[in-house]
Structure formats: structure tokens, C-alpha cells
Amino acid sequence: MAGRLPNHPATPHINTMTDARNRAGANAPSELVRQRRMALLLVRLPDKTRGWLFWLREPRQKWLRLPTGILLMAGGLLSFLPILGLWMLPLGVALLAEDFALCRKASARMLDWVIRRKPHWLGIAPDETEEDAYSRIRPLIPPHHMPEMSEQAGG
């Protein structure tokens, strides 16, 4: 581990919402961070795709989300076949994360990696914090998908 800097953030724009800051607290803050990062990712998609993914993530769509997530993960594992691709695997994990803790943990780790290595995938500008980017995209998120709304309803 020589040459590695201890506990320094990889990029300056993730200082406000990193999972490391929230690990000391309750589980809810890290879930809030995961939900916000997922929203950052979803609003980058085309309108039609974004709409059905927000719809599919609603609690009452569990009956459709589970088979869709499983099929997407299977398609990702069979990415060597035509039409199927590796992109299907993380999308399946993200859908199943709404219902399963193991997938939620994997989804949070994937989003942590993206925020550290490829923040532009989430639409975060080099001079912008993660919180600023989330504030900018809030009008694009359906009101019942706002993480703060669900957190207040639960507490």
C-alpha cells in the first residue's frame, strides 16, 4: 500500500455527500445518498426511458420490477450473445435494489465508484458538488420520488 494517500477523496466535488461521512450515522443517510445518486443517474436518460424507470421503481410495481430486474441481470451475464449487453447487469441490480438489501449494497457500491471515477456520468460538472448537481435536477424528479419526501414520511 506504499504510495497511496490515506483517506483523501478522489475528487474535490464529492465532499458533501460521500458514503464515508454517513457511515458513522444511521442507515437512512446512506440510503438517502444512494437514492439521490440514482436520481442523478436516471435524469440523464432520455425522457421515455426515465419515465418508465421511475414508474418501475415505485413500490406498487414490485410484481413487474422483480422479473424485469432478474431478466436484465441474466441478459447482462449473457452479454456475449447478440443484442444483449453488459449494461443490463447494473440496471438489473439497480431495479432489484429497491427490494433486496444485497442488491442495495451492490448498487450503492456501483454508485460510489461512479461518483469517484466518472462523476460526469451522473451529470456532475467538474466545478460542481454532488449536492449542487442534485439541487439542479430536482425539478426533473417526480414529486413522489424525492428521497427527502419518503424520509420525512418514514420519520
C-alpha atoms as a PDB file:
ATOM      1  CA  MET A   1       0.000   0.000   0.000  1.00  0.00           C
ATOM      2  CA  ALA A   2       3.007   2.245  -0.382  1.00  0.00           C
ATOM      3  CA  GLY A   3       2.391   5.412  -2.339  1.00  0.00           C
ATOM      4  CA  ARG A   4      -1.300   5.533  -1.529  1.00  0.00           C
ATOM      5  CA  LEU A   5      -2.673   8.594   0.240  1.00  0.00           C
ATOM      6  CA  PRO A   6      -4.711   7.759   3.343  1.00  0.00           C
ATOM      7  CA  ASN A   7      -8.428   8.597   3.202  1.00  0.00           C
ATOM      8  CA  HIS A   8      -8.208  11.518   0.764  1.00  0.00           C
ATOM      9  CA  PRO A   9     -11.210  11.987  -1.534  1.00  0.00           C
ATOM     10  CA  ALA A  10     -10.502  11.076  -5.146  1.00  0.00           C
ATOM     11  CA  THR A  11     -12.133  14.233  -6.482  1.00  0.00           C
ATOM     12  CA  PRO A  12     -12.960  17.549  -4.804  1.00  0.00           C
ATOM     13  CA  HIS A  13     -16.620  17.605  -5.850  1.00  0.00           C
ATOM     14  CA  ILE A  14     -17.836  14.706  -3.673  1.00  0.00           C
ATOM     15  CA  ASN A  15     -17.084  16.259  -0.302  1.00  0.00           C
ATOM     16  CA  THR A  16     -20.659  16.872   0.787  1.00  0.00           C
ATOM     17  CA  MET A  17     -22.500  13.578   0.294  1.00  0.00           C
ATOM     18  CA  THR A  18     -19.997  10.736   0.434  1.00  0.00           C
ATOM     19  CA  ASP A  19     -20.944   7.431   1.981  1.00  0.00           C
ATOM     20  CA  ALA A  20     -17.901   7.664   4.275  1.00  0.00           C
ATOM     21  CA  ARG A  21     -19.393  10.670   6.052  1.00  0.00           C
ATOM     22  CA  ASN A  22     -22.704   8.912   6.540  1.00  0.00           C
ATOM     23  CA  ARG A  23     -21.301   5.561   7.694  1.00  0.00           C
ATOM     24  CA  ALA A  24     -20.999   6.816  11.253  1.00  0.00           C
ATOM     25  CA  GLY A  25     -24.693   7.673  11.379  1.00  0.00           C
ATOM     26  CA  ALA A  26     -27.831   5.654  10.871  1.00  0.00           C
ATOM     27  CA  ASN A  27     -28.540   3.531   7.810  1.00  0.00           C
ATOM     28  CA  ALA A  28     -31.055   6.074   6.498  1.00  0.00           C
ATOM     29  CA  PRO A  29     -28.499   8.729   5.440  1.00  0.00           C
ATOM     30  CA  SER A  30     -26.557   6.274   3.244  1.00  0.00           C
ATOM     31  CA  GLU A  31     -29.840   5.127   1.679  1.00  0.00           C
ATOM     32  CA  LEU A  32     -30.703   8.778   1.067  1.00  0.00           C
ATOM     33  CA  VAL A  33     -27.339   9.220  -0.689  1.00  0.00           C
ATOM     34  CA  ARG A  34     -27.989   6.110  -2.819  1.00  0.00           C
ATOM     35  CA  GLN A  35     -31.437   7.389  -3.780  1.00  0.00           C
ATOM     36  CA  ARG A  36     -30.065  10.832  -4.690  1.00  0.00           C
ATOM     37  CA  ARG A  37     -27.296   9.316  -6.794  1.00  0.00           C
ATOM     38  CA  MET A  38     -29.808   7.047  -8.514  1.00  0.00           C
ATOM     39  CA  ALA A  39     -31.914  10.135  -9.303  1.00  0.00           C
ATOM     40  CA  LEU A  40     -28.824  11.858 -10.735  1.00  0.00           C
ATOM     41  CA  LEU A  41     -28.286   8.851 -12.986  1.00  0.00           C
ATOM     42  CA  LEU A  42     -31.918   8.469 -14.042  1.00  0.00           C
ATOM     43  CA  VAL A  43     -32.398  12.084 -15.116  1.00  0.00           C
ATOM     44  CA  ARG A  44     -29.522  11.654 -17.585  1.00  0.00           C
ATOM     45  CA  LEU A  45     -31.616   9.138 -19.538  1.00  0.00           C
ATOM     46  CA  PRO A  46     -33.971  10.037 -22.397  1.00  0.00           C
ATOM     47  CA  ASP A  47     -37.447  11.176 -21.258  1.00  0.00           C
ATOM     48  CA  LYS A  48     -39.286   7.958 -22.191  1.00  0.00           C
ATOM     49  CA  THR A  49     -36.717   5.694 -20.566  1.00  0.00           C
ATOM     50  CA  ARG A  50     -36.553   7.909 -17.479  1.00  0.00           C
ATOM     51  CA  GLY A  51     -40.340   7.836 -17.166  1.00  0.00           C
ATOM     52  CA  TRP A  52     -40.703   4.068 -17.219  1.00  0.00           C
ATOM     53  CA  LEU A  53     -37.738   3.556 -14.871  1.00  0.00           C
ATOM     54  CA  PHE A  54     -39.212   5.971 -12.310  1.00  0.00           C
ATOM     55  CA  TRP A  55     -42.552   4.171 -12.745  1.00  0.00           C
ATOM     56  CA  LEU A  56     -40.911   0.759 -12.353  1.00  0.00           C
ATOM     57  CA  ARG A  57     -39.167   1.871  -9.121  1.00  0.00           C
ATOM     58  CA  GLU A  58     -42.495   2.697  -7.437  1.00  0.00           C
ATOM     59  CA  PRO A  59     -43.355   0.345  -4.533  1.00  0.00           C
ATOM     60  CA  ARG A  60     -46.582  -0.890  -6.121  1.00  0.00           C
ATOM     61  CA  GLN A  61     -44.672  -2.089  -9.223  1.00  0.00           C
ATOM     62  CA  LYS A  62     -42.799  -4.811  -7.315  1.00  0.00           C
ATOM     63  CA  TRP A  63     -44.634  -7.520  -9.281  1.00  0.00           C
ATOM     64  CA  LEU A  64     -43.104  -6.195 -12.500  1.00  0.00           C
ATOM     65  CA  ARG A  65     -39.787  -4.901 -11.112  1.00  0.00           C
ATOM     66  CA  LEU A  66     -38.631  -8.299  -9.800  1.00  0.00           C
ATOM     67  CA  PRO A  67     -38.905 -10.275 -13.065  1.00  0.00           C
ATOM     68  CA  THR A  68     -37.572  -7.304 -15.054  1.00  0.00           C
ATOM     69  CA  GLY A  69     -34.534  -6.997 -12.757  1.00  0.00           C
ATOM     70  CA  ILE A  70     -33.851 -10.737 -12.914  1.00  0.00           C
ATOM     71  CA  LEU A  71     -34.165 -10.793 -16.711  1.00  0.00           C
ATOM     72  CA  LEU A  72     -31.867  -7.779 -17.058  1.00  0.00           C
ATOM     73  CA  MET A  73     -29.249  -9.409 -14.825  1.00  0.00           C
ATOM     74  CA  ALA A  74     -29.487 -12.662 -16.811  1.00  0.00           C
ATOM     75  CA  GLY A  75     -29.123 -10.682 -20.054  1.00  0.00           C
ATOM     76  CA  GLY A  76     -26.057  -8.954 -18.619  1.00  0.00           C
ATOM     77  CA  LEU A  77     -24.484 -12.300 -17.761  1.00  0.00           C
ATOM     78  CA  LEU A  78     -25.176 -13.485 -21.328  1.00  0.00           C
ATOM     79  CA  SER A  79     -23.675 -10.343 -22.838  1.00  0.00           C
ATOM     80  CA  PHE A  80     -21.550 -12.364 -25.238  1.00  0.00           C
ATOM     81  CA  LEU A  81     -24.737 -13.077 -27.241  1.00  0.00           C
ATOM     82  CA  PRO A  82     -26.017 -10.616 -29.877  1.00  0.00           C
ATOM     83  CA  ILE A  83     -28.398  -7.842 -28.696  1.00  0.00           C
ATOM     84  CA  LEU A  84     -27.706  -8.479 -25.004  1.00  0.00           C
ATOM     85  CA  GLY A  85     -25.099  -6.336 -23.293  1.00  0.00           C
ATOM     86  CA  LEU A  86     -23.177  -5.878 -20.090  1.00  0.00           C
ATOM     87  CA  TRP A  87     -25.143  -2.644 -19.460  1.00  0.00           C
ATOM     88  CA  MET A  88     -28.110  -4.835 -18.494  1.00  0.00           C
ATOM     89  CA  LEU A  89     -26.382  -6.180 -15.360  1.00  0.00           C
ATOM     90  CA  PRO A  90     -26.097  -2.901 -13.382  1.00  0.00           C
ATOM     91  CA  LEU A  91     -29.590  -1.857 -14.474  1.00  0.00           C
ATOM     92  CA  GLY A  92     -30.977  -5.146 -13.138  1.00  0.00           C
ATOM     93  CA  VAL A  93     -29.083  -4.683  -9.862  1.00  0.00           C
ATOM     94  CA  ALA A  94     -30.429  -1.119  -9.572  1.00  0.00           C
ATOM     95  CA  LEU A  95     -34.013  -2.322 -10.042  1.00  0.00           C
ATOM     96  CA  LEU A  96     -33.649  -5.179  -7.560  1.00  0.00           C
ATOM     97  CA  ALA A  97     -32.027  -2.779  -5.063  1.00  0.00           C
ATOM     98  CA  GLU A  98     -35.482  -1.418  -4.324  1.00  0.00           C
ATOM     99  CA  ASP A  99     -36.424  -4.778  -2.775  1.00  0.00           C
ATOM    100  CA  PHE A 100     -33.264  -6.614  -1.687  1.00  0.00           C
ATOM    101  CA  ALA A 101     -30.587  -5.433   0.754  1.00  0.00           C
ATOM    102  CA  LEU A 102     -27.788  -7.319  -1.050  1.00  0.00           C
ATOM    103  CA  CYS A 103     -28.599  -5.556  -4.325  1.00  0.00           C
ATOM    104  CA  ARG A 104     -28.980  -2.255  -2.454  1.00  0.00           C
ATOM    105  CA  LYS A 105     -25.431  -2.659  -1.144  1.00  0.00           C
ATOM    106  CA  ALA A 106     -24.120  -3.547  -4.629  1.00  0.00           C
ATOM    107  CA  SER A 107     -25.984  -0.601  -6.127  1.00  0.00           C
ATOM    108  CA  ALA A 108     -24.534   1.770  -3.519  1.00  0.00           C
ATOM    109  CA  ARG A 109     -21.021   0.472  -4.257  1.00  0.00           C
ATOM    110  CA  MET A 110     -21.510   0.897  -8.000  1.00  0.00           C
ATOM    111  CA  LEU A 111     -22.749   4.464  -7.496  1.00  0.00           C
ATOM    112  CA  ASP A 112     -19.833   5.176  -5.123  1.00  0.00           C
ATOM    113  CA  TRP A 113     -17.429   4.010  -7.825  1.00  0.00           C
ATOM    114  CA  VAL A 114     -19.161   6.167 -10.443  1.00  0.00           C
ATOM    115  CA  ILE A 115     -19.104   9.250  -8.215  1.00  0.00           C
ATOM    116  CA  ARG A 116     -15.381   8.807  -7.530  1.00  0.00           C
ATOM    117  CA  ARG A 117     -14.214   7.852 -11.019  1.00  0.00           C
ATOM    118  CA  LYS A 118     -16.800   9.087 -13.539  1.00  0.00           C
ATOM    119  CA  PRO A 119     -18.906  11.865 -11.938  1.00  0.00           C
ATOM    120  CA  HIS A 120     -19.780  13.187 -15.396  1.00  0.00           C
ATOM    121  CA  TRP A 121     -21.855  10.003 -15.905  1.00  0.00           C
ATOM    122  CA  LEU A 122     -24.170  11.450 -13.247  1.00  0.00           C
ATOM    123  CA  GLY A 123     -24.117  14.896 -14.838  1.00  0.00           C
ATOM    124  CA  ILE A 124     -21.835  16.457 -12.227  1.00  0.00           C
ATOM    125  CA  ALA A 125     -19.706  19.232 -13.674  1.00  0.00           C
ATOM    126  CA  PRO A 126     -16.029  19.486 -12.607  1.00  0.00           C
ATOM    127  CA  ASP A 127     -16.697  22.697 -10.656  1.00  0.00           C
ATOM    128  CA  GLU A 128     -19.935  21.427  -9.069  1.00  0.00           C
ATOM    129  CA  THR A 129     -20.595  19.456  -5.878  1.00  0.00           C
ATOM    130  CA  GLU A 130     -22.833  16.420  -5.839  1.00  0.00           C
ATOM    131  CA  GLU A 131     -25.339  18.369  -3.753  1.00  0.00           C
ATOM    132  CA  ASP A 132     -25.369  21.241  -6.286  1.00  0.00           C
ATOM    133  CA  ALA A 133     -25.989  18.789  -9.117  1.00  0.00           C
ATOM    134  CA  TYR A 134     -28.860  17.195  -7.190  1.00  0.00           C
ATOM    135  CA  SER A 135     -30.397  20.625  -6.494  1.00  0.00           C
ATOM    136  CA  ARG A 136     -30.175  21.399 -10.214  1.00  0.00           C
ATOM    137  CA  ILE A 137     -32.004  18.212 -11.299  1.00  0.00           C
ATOM    138  CA  ARG A 138     -34.707  18.238  -8.589  1.00  0.00           C
ATOM    139  CA  PRO A 139     -37.353  19.767 -10.911  1.00  0.00           C
ATOM    140  CA  LEU A 140     -36.941  16.743 -13.222  1.00  0.00           C
ATOM    141  CA  ILE A 141     -37.718  14.215 -10.466  1.00  0.00           C
ATOM    142  CA  PRO A 142     -41.366  13.233  -9.970  1.00  0.00           C
ATOM    143  CA  PRO A 143     -42.526  14.578  -6.566  1.00  0.00           C
ATOM    144  CA  HIS A 144     -43.281  11.142  -5.112  1.00  0.00           C
ATOM    145  CA  HIS A 145     -39.704  10.016  -5.958  1.00  0.00           C
ATOM    146  CA  MET A 146     -37.967  12.715  -3.934  1.00  0.00           C
ATOM    147  CA  PRO A 147     -35.800  10.931  -1.344  1.00  0.00           C
ATOM    148  CA  GLU A 148     -36.428  13.659   1.250  1.00  0.00           C
ATOM    149  CA  MET A 149     -40.181  13.173   0.921  1.00  0.00           C
ATOM    150  CA  SER A 150     -40.001   9.445   1.668  1.00  0.00           C
ATOM    151  CA  GLU A 151     -37.572  10.017   4.552  1.00  0.00           C
ATOM    152  CA  GLN A 152     -39.925  12.547   6.187  1.00  0.00           C
ATOM    153  CA  ALA A 153     -42.887  10.230   5.752  1.00  0.00           C
ATOM    154  CA  GLY A 154     -40.994   7.416   7.493  1.00  0.00           C
ATOM    155  CA  GLY A 155     -39.772   9.521  10.410  1.00  0.00           C
END
